[in-house]
Amino acid sequence: MFQHEQAPREKMTPKQTKTDFKQMQTAELVKVNKEQRRQATLACLIWRMKVDHAASIWQSDVALHVIGSSREIVKKLIALCVLIVVN
């Protein structure tokens, strides 16, 4: 058998190894959670923009000649925007 020269390594106890693994897992979870929060914030902003846009259309219905049954169409479009963003 060949013996390779290696730098002396610190021997780790199982408890230290477990702690290191947990710290790595925690760091990974923080990274994932940060990304999920970023995506959720982005989704909320997009949803807000769509809702604000839909509300501005709703408020300017006179200018757009949205009257009577057309209001129902606008309501359905708003609901559809909400469903798309939520999913």
PDB file of N, CA and C in Angstrom:
ATOM      1  N   MET A   1       0.825  -1.177   0.000  1.00  0.00           N
ATOM      2  CA  MET A   1       0.000   0.000   0.000  1.00  0.00           C
ATOM      3  C   MET A   1       0.874   1.246   0.000  1.00  0.00           C
ATOM      4  N   PHE A   2       0.415   2.246  -0.739  1.00  0.00           N
ATOM      5  CA  PHE A   2       1.150   3.510  -0.776  1.00  0.00           C
ATOM      6  C   PHE A   2       0.605   4.434   0.308  1.00  0.00           C
ATOM      7  N   GLN A   3       1.501   5.134   0.917  1.00  0.00           N
ATOM      8  CA  GLN A   3       1.078   6.121   1.915  1.00  0.00           C
ATOM      9  C   GLN A   3       1.341   7.499   1.347  1.00  0.00           C
ATOM     10  N   HIS A   4       0.310   8.294   1.238  1.00  0.00           N
ATOM     11  CA  HIS A   4       0.441   9.644   0.713  1.00  0.00           C
ATOM     12  C   HIS A   4       0.655  10.603   1.870  1.00  0.00           C
ATOM     13  N   GLU A   5       1.474  11.589   1.617  1.00  0.00           N
ATOM     14  CA  GLU A   5       1.679  12.595   2.653  1.00  0.00           C
ATOM     15  C   GLU A   5       0.525  13.573   2.613  1.00  0.00           C
ATOM     16  N   GLN A   6      -0.049  13.773   3.734  1.00  0.00           N
ATOM     17  CA  GLN A   6      -1.163  14.704   3.836  1.00  0.00           C
ATOM     18  C   GLN A   6      -0.936  15.618   5.035  1.00  0.00           C
ATOM     19  N   ALA A   7      -1.504  16.787   4.930  1.00  0.00           N
ATOM     20  CA  ALA A   7      -1.432  17.696   6.074  1.00  0.00           C
ATOM     21  C   ALA A   7      -2.255  17.084   7.194  1.00  0.00           C
ATOM     22  N   PRO A   8      -1.759  17.205   8.403  1.00  0.00           N
ATOM     23  CA  PRO A   8      -2.525  16.615   9.520  1.00  0.00           C
ATOM     24  C   PRO A   8      -3.891  17.289   9.635  1.00  0.00           C
ATOM     25  N   ARG A   9      -4.922  16.473   9.768  1.00  0.00           N
ATOM     26  CA  ARG A   9      -6.279  16.992   9.881  1.00  0.00           C
ATOM     27  C   ARG A   9      -6.754  16.863  11.319  1.00  0.00           C
ATOM     28  N   GLU A  10      -7.561  17.827  11.694  1.00  0.00           N
ATOM     29  CA  GLU A  10      -8.163  17.754  13.017  1.00  0.00           C
ATOM     30  C   GLU A  10      -9.224  16.685  12.987  1.00  0.00           C
ATOM     31  N   LYS A  11      -9.210  15.853  13.976  1.00  0.00           N
ATOM     32  CA  LYS A  11     -10.254  14.834  14.039  1.00  0.00           C
ATOM     33  C   LYS A  11     -11.514  15.467  14.620  1.00  0.00           C
ATOM     34  N   MET A  12     -12.598  15.250  13.932  1.00  0.00           N
ATOM     35  CA  MET A  12     -13.849  15.839  14.398  1.00  0.00           C
ATOM     36  C   MET A  12     -14.697  14.775  15.069  1.00  0.00           C
ATOM     37  N   THR A  13     -15.304  15.171  16.145  1.00  0.00           N
ATOM     38  CA  THR A  13     -16.206  14.242  16.823  1.00  0.00           C
ATOM     39  C   THR A  13     -17.523  14.218  16.057  1.00  0.00           C
ATOM     40  N   PRO A  14     -18.300  13.177  16.210  1.00  0.00           N
ATOM     41  CA  PRO A  14     -19.608  13.126  15.519  1.00  0.00           C
ATOM     42  C   PRO A  14     -20.482  14.337  15.846  1.00  0.00           C
ATOM     43  N   LYS A  15     -20.369  14.829  17.087  1.00  0.00           N
ATOM     44  CA  LYS A  15     -21.191  15.981  17.480  1.00  0.00           C
ATOM     45  C   LYS A  15     -20.772  17.228  16.690  1.00  0.00           C
ATOM     46  N   GLN A  16     -19.470  17.432  16.501  1.00  0.00           N
ATOM     47  CA  GLN A  16     -18.991  18.577  15.720  1.00  0.00           C
ATOM     48  C   GLN A  16     -19.437  18.470  14.264  1.00  0.00           C
ATOM     49  N   THR A  17     -19.331  17.260  13.723  1.00  0.00           N
ATOM     50  CA  THR A  17     -19.737  17.035  12.337  1.00  0.00           C
ATOM     51  C   THR A  17     -21.221  17.343  12.171  1.00  0.00           C
ATOM     52  N   LYS A  18     -22.022  16.886  13.125  1.00  0.00           N
ATOM     53  CA  LYS A  18     -23.461  17.134  13.082  1.00  0.00           C
ATOM     54  C   LYS A  18     -23.746  18.639  13.159  1.00  0.00           C
ATOM     55  N   THR A  19     -23.027  19.334  14.027  1.00  0.00           N
ATOM     56  CA  THR A  19     -23.203  20.781  14.170  1.00  0.00           C
ATOM     57  C   THR A  19     -22.829  21.492  12.883  1.00  0.00           C
ATOM     58  N   ASP A  20     -21.710  21.095  12.274  1.00  0.00           N
ATOM     59  CA  ASP A  20     -21.286  21.699  11.013  1.00  0.00           C
ATOM     60  C   ASP A  20     -22.341  21.473   9.928  1.00  0.00           C
ATOM     61  N   PHE A  21     -22.880  20.263   9.879  1.00  0.00           N
ATOM     62  CA  PHE A  21     -23.900  19.938   8.888  1.00  0.00           C
ATOM     63  C   PHE A  21     -25.142  20.804   9.100  1.00  0.00           C
ATOM     64  N   LYS A  22     -25.549  20.958  10.370  1.00  0.00           N
ATOM     65  CA  LYS A  22     -26.719  21.790  10.676  1.00  0.00           C
ATOM     66  C   LYS A  22     -26.470  23.243  10.276  1.00  0.00           C
ATOM     67  N   GLN A  23     -25.252  23.722  10.514  1.00  0.00           N
ATOM     68  CA  GLN A  23     -24.928  25.102  10.136  1.00  0.00           C
ATOM     69  C   GLN A  23     -24.988  25.265   8.619  1.00  0.00           C
ATOM     70  N   MET A  24     -24.508  24.261   7.897  1.00  0.00           N
ATOM     71  CA  MET A  24     -24.572  24.316   6.430  1.00  0.00           C
ATOM     72  C   MET A  24     -26.025  24.314   5.973  1.00  0.00           C
ATOM     73  N   GLN A  25     -26.832  23.449   6.589  1.00  0.00           N
ATOM     74  CA  GLN A  25     -28.256  23.387   6.244  1.00  0.00           C
ATOM     75  C   GLN A  25     -28.937  24.721   6.526  1.00  0.00           C
ATOM     76  N   THR A  26     -28.635  25.303   7.684  1.00  0.00           N
ATOM     77  CA  THR A  26     -29.231  26.583   8.058  1.00  0.00           C
ATOM     78  C   THR A  26     -28.846  27.660   7.055  1.00  0.00           C
ATOM     79  N   ALA A  27     -27.578  27.700   6.670  1.00  0.00           N
ATOM     80  CA  ALA A  27     -27.117  28.691   5.695  1.00  0.00           C
ATOM     81  C   ALA A  27     -27.847  28.517   4.369  1.00  0.00           C
ATOM     82  N   GLU A  28     -28.052  27.269   3.964  1.00  0.00           N
ATOM     83  CA  GLU A  28     -28.758  26.988   2.713  1.00  0.00           C
ATOM     84  C   GLU A  28     -30.221  27.422   2.813  1.00  0.00           C
ATOM     85  N   LEU A  29     -30.850  27.149   3.960  1.00  0.00           N
ATOM     86  CA  LEU A  29     -32.246  27.545   4.160  1.00  0.00           C
ATOM     87  C   LEU A  29     -32.393  29.066   4.135  1.00  0.00           C
ATOM     88  N   VAL A  30     -31.457  29.766   4.756  1.00  0.00           N
ATOM     89  CA  VAL A  30     -31.503  31.227   4.761  1.00  0.00           C
ATOM     90  C   VAL A  30     -31.407  31.733   3.331  1.00  0.00           C
ATOM     91  N   LYS A  31     -30.508  31.115   2.547  1.00  0.00           N
ATOM     92  CA  LYS A  31     -30.337  31.511   1.149  1.00  0.00           C
ATOM     93  C   LYS A  31     -31.633  31.262   0.361  1.00  0.00           C
ATOM     94  N   VAL A  32     -32.243  30.108   0.558  1.00  0.00           N
ATOM     95  CA  VAL A  32     -33.492  29.758  -0.133  1.00  0.00           C
ATOM     96  C   VAL A  32     -34.611  30.696   0.313  1.00  0.00           C
ATOM     97  N   ASN A  33     -34.709  30.919   1.624  1.00  0.00           N
ATOM     98  CA  ASN A  33     -35.766  31.797   2.140  1.00  0.00           C
ATOM     99  C   ASN A  33     -35.616  33.212   1.614  1.00  0.00           C
ATOM    100  N   LYS A  34     -34.380  33.672   1.497  1.00  0.00           N
ATOM    101  CA  LYS A  34     -34.123  35.010   0.971  1.00  0.00           C
ATOM    102  C   LYS A  34     -34.635  35.107  -0.470  1.00  0.00           C
ATOM    103  N   GLU A  35     -34.357  34.074  -1.258  1.00  0.00           N
ATOM    104  CA  GLU A  35     -34.801  34.047  -2.655  1.00  0.00           C
ATOM    105  C   GLU A  35     -36.328  33.973  -2.729  1.00  0.00           C
ATOM    106  N   GLN A  36     -36.933  33.160  -1.859  1.00  0.00           N
ATOM    107  CA  GLN A  36     -38.394  33.047  -1.843  1.00  0.00           C
ATOM    108  C   GLN A  36     -39.041  34.367  -1.440  1.00  0.00           C
ATOM    109  N   ARG A  37     -38.446  35.050  -0.452  1.00  0.00           N
ATOM    110  CA  ARG A  37     -38.971  36.352  -0.043  1.00  0.00           C
ATOM    111  C   ARG A  37     -38.864  37.353  -1.185  1.00  0.00           C
ATOM    112  N   ARG A  38     -37.734  37.312  -1.905  1.00  0.00           N
ATOM    113  CA  ARG A  38     -37.539  38.223  -3.037  1.00  0.00           C
ATOM    114  C   ARG A  38     -38.604  37.966  -4.098  1.00  0.00           C
ATOM    115  N   GLN A  39     -38.839  36.679  -4.400  1.00  0.00           N
ATOM    116  CA  GLN A  39     -39.842  36.328  -5.414  1.00  0.00           C
ATOM    117  C   GLN A  39     -41.250  36.706  -4.945  1.00  0.00           C
ATOM    118  N   ALA A  40     -41.534  36.495  -3.665  1.00  0.00           N
ATOM    119  CA  ALA A  40     -42.855  36.848  -3.133  1.00  0.00           C
ATOM    120  C   ALA A  40     -43.067  38.360  -3.192  1.00  0.00           C
ATOM    121  N   THR A  41     -42.017  39.113  -2.865  1.00  0.00           N
ATOM    122  CA  THR A  41     -42.110  40.572  -2.934  1.00  0.00           C
ATOM    123  C   THR A  41     -42.369  41.014  -4.359  1.00  0.00           C
ATOM    124  N   LEU A  42     -41.649  40.401  -5.291  1.00  0.00           N
ATOM    125  CA  LEU A  42     -41.827  40.730  -6.699  1.00  0.00           C
ATOM    126  C   LEU A  42     -43.256  40.407  -7.150  1.00  0.00           C
ATOM    127  N   ALA A  43     -43.759  39.246  -6.746  1.00  0.00           N
ATOM    128  CA  ALA A  43     -45.124  38.848  -7.110  1.00  0.00           C
ATOM    129  C   ALA A  43     -46.140  39.837  -6.531  1.00  0.00           C
ATOM    130  N   CYS A  44     -45.906  40.281  -5.288  1.00  0.00           N
ATOM    131  CA  CYS A  44     -46.811  41.258  -4.668  1.00  0.00           C
ATOM    132  C   CYS A  44     -46.790  42.575  -5.432  1.00  0.00           C
ATOM    133  N   LEU A  45     -45.593  43.002  -5.844  1.00  0.00           N
ATOM    134  CA  LEU A  45     -45.492  44.249  -6.601  1.00  0.00           C
ATOM    135  C   LEU A  45     -46.225  44.142  -7.934  1.00  0.00           C
ATOM    136  N   ILE A  46     -46.036  43.004  -8.612  1.00  0.00           N
ATOM    137  CA  ILE A  46     -46.721  42.796  -9.896  1.00  0.00           C
ATOM    138  C   ILE A  46     -48.229  42.787  -9.679  1.00  0.00           C
ATOM    139  N   TRP A  47     -48.669  42.074  -8.643  1.00  0.00           N
ATOM    140  CA  TRP A  47     -50.096  42.010  -8.331  1.00  0.00           C
ATOM    141  C   TRP A  47     -50.631  43.407  -8.053  1.00  0.00           C
ATOM    142  N   ARG A  48     -49.854  44.182  -7.254  1.00  0.00           N
ATOM    143  CA  ARG A  48     -50.252  45.554  -6.909  1.00  0.00           C
ATOM    144  C   ARG A  48     -50.404  46.402  -8.165  1.00  0.00           C
ATOM    145  N   MET A  49     -49.429  46.266  -9.075  1.00  0.00           N
ATOM    146  CA  MET A  49     -49.470  47.036 -10.317  1.00  0.00           C
ATOM    147  C   MET A  49     -50.706  46.667 -11.123  1.00  0.00           C
ATOM    148  N   LYS A  50     -50.993  45.354 -11.203  1.00  0.00           N
ATOM    149  CA  LYS A  50     -52.153  44.907 -11.973  1.00  0.00           C
ATOM    150  C   LYS A  50     -53.446  45.413 -11.335  1.00  0.00           C
ATOM    151  N   VAL A  51     -53.519  45.310 -10.010  1.00  0.00           N
ATOM    152  CA  VAL A  51     -54.724  45.762  -9.311  1.00  0.00           C
ATOM    153  C   VAL A  51     -54.875  47.272  -9.470  1.00  0.00           C
ATOM    154  N   ASP A  52     -53.753  48.012  -9.301  1.00  0.00           N
ATOM    155  CA  ASP A  52     -53.814  49.467  -9.462  1.00  0.00           C
ATOM    156  C   ASP A  52     -54.221  49.832 -10.884  1.00  0.00           C
ATOM    157  N   HIS A  53     -53.682  49.097 -11.844  1.00  0.00           N
ATOM    158  CA  HIS A  53     -54.025  49.357 -13.243  1.00  0.00           C
ATOM    159  C   HIS A  53     -55.515  49.070 -13.486  1.00  0.00           C
ATOM    160  N   ALA A  54     -55.960  47.924 -12.954  1.00  0.00           N
ATOM    161  CA  ALA A  54     -57.372  47.565 -13.112  1.00  0.00           C
ATOM    162  C   ALA A  54     -58.264  48.597 -12.418  1.00  0.00           C
ATOM    163  N   ALA A  55     -57.817  49.082 -11.249  1.00  0.00           N
ATOM    164  CA  ALA A  55     -58.593  50.088 -10.522  1.00  0.00           C
ATOM    165  C   ALA A  55     -58.637  51.396 -11.308  1.00  0.00           C
ATOM    166  N   SER A  56     -57.517  51.746 -11.944  1.00  0.00           N
ATOM    167  CA  SER A  56     -57.514  52.988 -12.718  1.00  0.00           C
ATOM    168  C   SER A  56     -58.434  52.863 -13.932  1.00  0.00           C
ATOM    169  N   ILE A  57     -58.464  51.668 -14.519  1.00  0.00           N
ATOM    170  CA  ILE A  57     -59.399  51.444 -15.631  1.00  0.00           C
ATOM    171  C   ILE A  57     -60.828  51.574 -15.107  1.00  0.00           C
ATOM    172  N   TRP A  58     -61.061  50.956 -13.932  1.00  0.00           N
ATOM    173  CA  TRP A  58     -62.395  50.999 -13.327  1.00  0.00           C
ATOM    174  C   TRP A  58     -62.808  52.444 -13.047  1.00  0.00           C
ATOM    175  N   GLN A  59     -61.881  53.243 -12.518  1.00  0.00           N
ATOM    176  CA  GLN A  59     -62.202  54.623 -12.149  1.00  0.00           C
ATOM    177  C   GLN A  59     -62.378  55.513 -13.375  1.00  0.00           C
ATOM    178  N   SER A  60     -61.695  55.169 -14.455  1.00  0.00           N
ATOM    179  CA  SER A  60     -61.810  56.008 -15.649  1.00  0.00           C
ATOM    180  C   SER A  60     -62.794  55.406 -16.651  1.00  0.00           C
ATOM    181  N   ASP A  61     -63.817  54.731 -16.107  1.00  0.00           N
ATOM    182  CA  ASP A  61     -64.778  54.060 -16.982  1.00  0.00           C
ATOM    183  C   ASP A  61     -65.541  55.026 -17.886  1.00  0.00           C
ATOM    184  N   VAL A  62     -65.719  56.262 -17.443  1.00  0.00           N
ATOM    185  CA  VAL A  62     -66.424  57.231 -18.285  1.00  0.00           C
ATOM    186  C   VAL A  62     -65.582  57.530 -19.521  1.00  0.00           C
ATOM    187  N   ALA A  63     -64.278  57.738 -19.303  1.00  0.00           N
ATOM    188  CA  ALA A  63     -63.389  58.038 -20.423  1.00  0.00           C
ATOM    189  C   ALA A  63     -63.296  56.851 -21.376  1.00  0.00           C
ATOM    190  N   LEU A  64     -63.363  55.653 -20.831  1.00  0.00           N
ATOM    191  CA  LEU A  64     -63.248  54.451 -21.667  1.00  0.00           C
ATOM    192  C   LEU A  64     -64.609  53.946 -22.134  1.00  0.00           C
ATOM    193  N   HIS A  65     -65.675  54.640 -21.760  1.00  0.00           N
ATOM    194  CA  HIS A  65     -67.051  54.265 -22.126  1.00  0.00           C
ATOM    195  C   HIS A  65     -67.407  52.859 -21.623  1.00  0.00           C
ATOM    196  N   VAL A  66     -66.924  52.566 -20.410  1.00  0.00           N
ATOM    197  CA  VAL A  66     -67.269  51.277 -19.811  1.00  0.00           C
ATOM    198  C   VAL A  66     -68.533  51.495 -19.003  1.00  0.00           C
ATOM    199  N   ILE A  67     -69.632  50.992 -19.492  1.00  0.00           N
ATOM    200  CA  ILE A  67     -70.905  51.198 -18.802  1.00  0.00           C
ATOM    201  C   ILE A  67     -71.691  49.900 -18.787  1.00  0.00           C
ATOM    202  N   GLY A  68     -72.641  49.838 -17.871  1.00  0.00           N
ATOM    203  CA  GLY A  68     -73.557  48.699 -17.803  1.00  0.00           C
ATOM    204  C   GLY A  68     -72.858  47.365 -17.669  1.00  0.00           C
ATOM    205  N   SER A  69     -73.111  46.464 -18.636  1.00  0.00           N
ATOM    206  CA  SER A  69     -72.597  45.104 -18.564  1.00  0.00           C
ATOM    207  C   SER A  69     -71.067  45.060 -18.727  1.00  0.00           C
ATOM    208  N   SER A  70     -70.485  46.102 -19.298  1.00  0.00           N
ATOM    209  CA  SER A  70     -69.033  46.129 -19.462  1.00  0.00           C
ATOM    210  C   SER A  70     -68.330  46.149 -18.106  1.00  0.00           C
ATOM    211  N   ARG A  71     -69.001  46.683 -17.092  1.00  0.00           N
ATOM    212  CA  ARG A  71     -68.426  46.676 -15.744  1.00  0.00           C
ATOM    213  C   ARG A  71     -68.213  45.237 -15.269  1.00  0.00           C
ATOM    214  N   GLU A  72     -69.124  44.363 -15.614  1.00  0.00           N
ATOM    215  CA  GLU A  72     -68.988  42.945 -15.228  1.00  0.00           C
ATOM    216  C   GLU A  72     -67.751  42.333 -15.885  1.00  0.00           C
ATOM    217  N   ILE A  73     -67.494  42.700 -17.123  1.00  0.00           N
ATOM    218  CA  ILE A  73     -66.305  42.201 -17.823  1.00  0.00           C
ATOM    219  C   ILE A  73     -65.047  42.681 -17.109  1.00  0.00           C
ATOM    220  N   VAL A  74     -65.042  43.951 -16.707  1.00  0.00           N
ATOM    221  CA  VAL A  74     -63.888  44.508 -15.993  1.00  0.00           C
ATOM    222  C   VAL A  74     -63.698  43.776 -14.669  1.00  0.00           C
ATOM    223  N   LYS A  75     -64.793  43.496 -13.957  1.00  0.00           N
ATOM    224  CA  LYS A  75     -64.700  42.761 -12.693  1.00  0.00           C
ATOM    225  C   LYS A  75     -64.074  41.384 -12.919  1.00  0.00           C
ATOM    226  N   LYS A  76     -64.499  40.703 -13.990  1.00  0.00           N
ATOM    227  CA  LYS A  76     -63.951  39.378 -14.294  1.00  0.00           C
ATOM    228  C   LYS A  76     -62.470  39.473 -14.650  1.00  0.00           C
ATOM    229  N   LEU A  77     -62.092  40.517 -15.371  1.00  0.00           N
ATOM    230  CA  LEU A  77     -60.676  40.711 -15.713  1.00  0.00           C
ATOM    231  C   LEU A  77     -59.835  40.939 -14.468  1.00  0.00           C
ATOM    232  N   ILE A  78     -60.362  41.711 -13.527  1.00  0.00           N
ATOM    233  CA  ILE A  78     -59.649  41.945 -12.264  1.00  0.00           C
ATOM    234  C   ILE A  78     -59.478  40.625 -11.529  1.00  0.00           C
ATOM    235  N   ALA A  79     -60.530  39.833 -11.444  1.00  0.00           N
ATOM    236  CA  ALA A  79     -60.466  38.536 -10.768  1.00  0.00           C
ATOM    237  C   ALA A  79     -59.461  37.622 -11.457  1.00  0.00           C
ATOM    238  N   LEU A  80     -59.426  37.661 -12.788  1.00  0.00           N
ATOM    239  CA  LEU A  80     -58.484  36.838 -13.548  1.00  0.00           C
ATOM    240  C   LEU A  80     -57.049  37.255 -13.251  1.00  0.00           C
ATOM    241  N   CYS A  81     -56.782  38.561 -13.204  1.00  0.00           N
ATOM    242  CA  CYS A  81     -55.435  39.053 -12.872  1.00  0.00           C
ATOM    243  C   CYS A  81     -55.014  38.547 -11.502  1.00  0.00           C
ATOM    244  N   VAL A  82     -55.923  38.600 -10.546  1.00  0.00           N
ATOM    245  CA  VAL A  82     -55.619  38.133  -9.187  1.00  0.00           C
ATOM    246  C   VAL A  82     -55.295  36.645  -9.204  1.00  0.00           C
ATOM    247  N   LEU A  83     -56.097  35.849  -9.920  1.00  0.00           N
ATOM    248  CA  LEU A  83     -55.857  34.403  -9.998  1.00  0.00           C
ATOM    249  C   LEU A  83     -54.510  34.092 -10.637  1.00  0.00           C
ATOM    250  N   ILE A  84     -54.171  34.800 -11.697  1.00  0.00           N
ATOM    251  CA  ILE A  84     -52.905  34.555 -12.388  1.00  0.00           C
ATOM    252  C   ILE A  84     -51.737  34.833 -11.461  1.00  0.00           C
ATOM    253  N   VAL A  85     -51.786  35.934 -10.742  1.00  0.00           N
ATOM    254  CA  VAL A  85     -50.679  36.301  -9.855  1.00  0.00           C
ATOM    255  C   VAL A  85     -50.597  35.351  -8.667  1.00  0.00           C
ATOM    256  N   VAL A  86     -51.743  34.969  -8.108  1.00  0.00           N
ATOM    257  CA  VAL A  86     -51.743  34.075  -6.947  1.00  0.00           C
ATOM    258  C   VAL A  86     -51.183  32.713  -7.313  1.00  0.00           C
ATOM    259  N   ASN A  87     -51.539  32.223  -8.485  1.00  0.00           N
ATOM    260  CA  ASN A  87     -51.028  30.913  -8.896  1.00  0.00           C
ATOM    261  C   ASN A  87     -49.639  31.070  -9.443  1.00  0.00           C
TER     262      ASN A  87
END
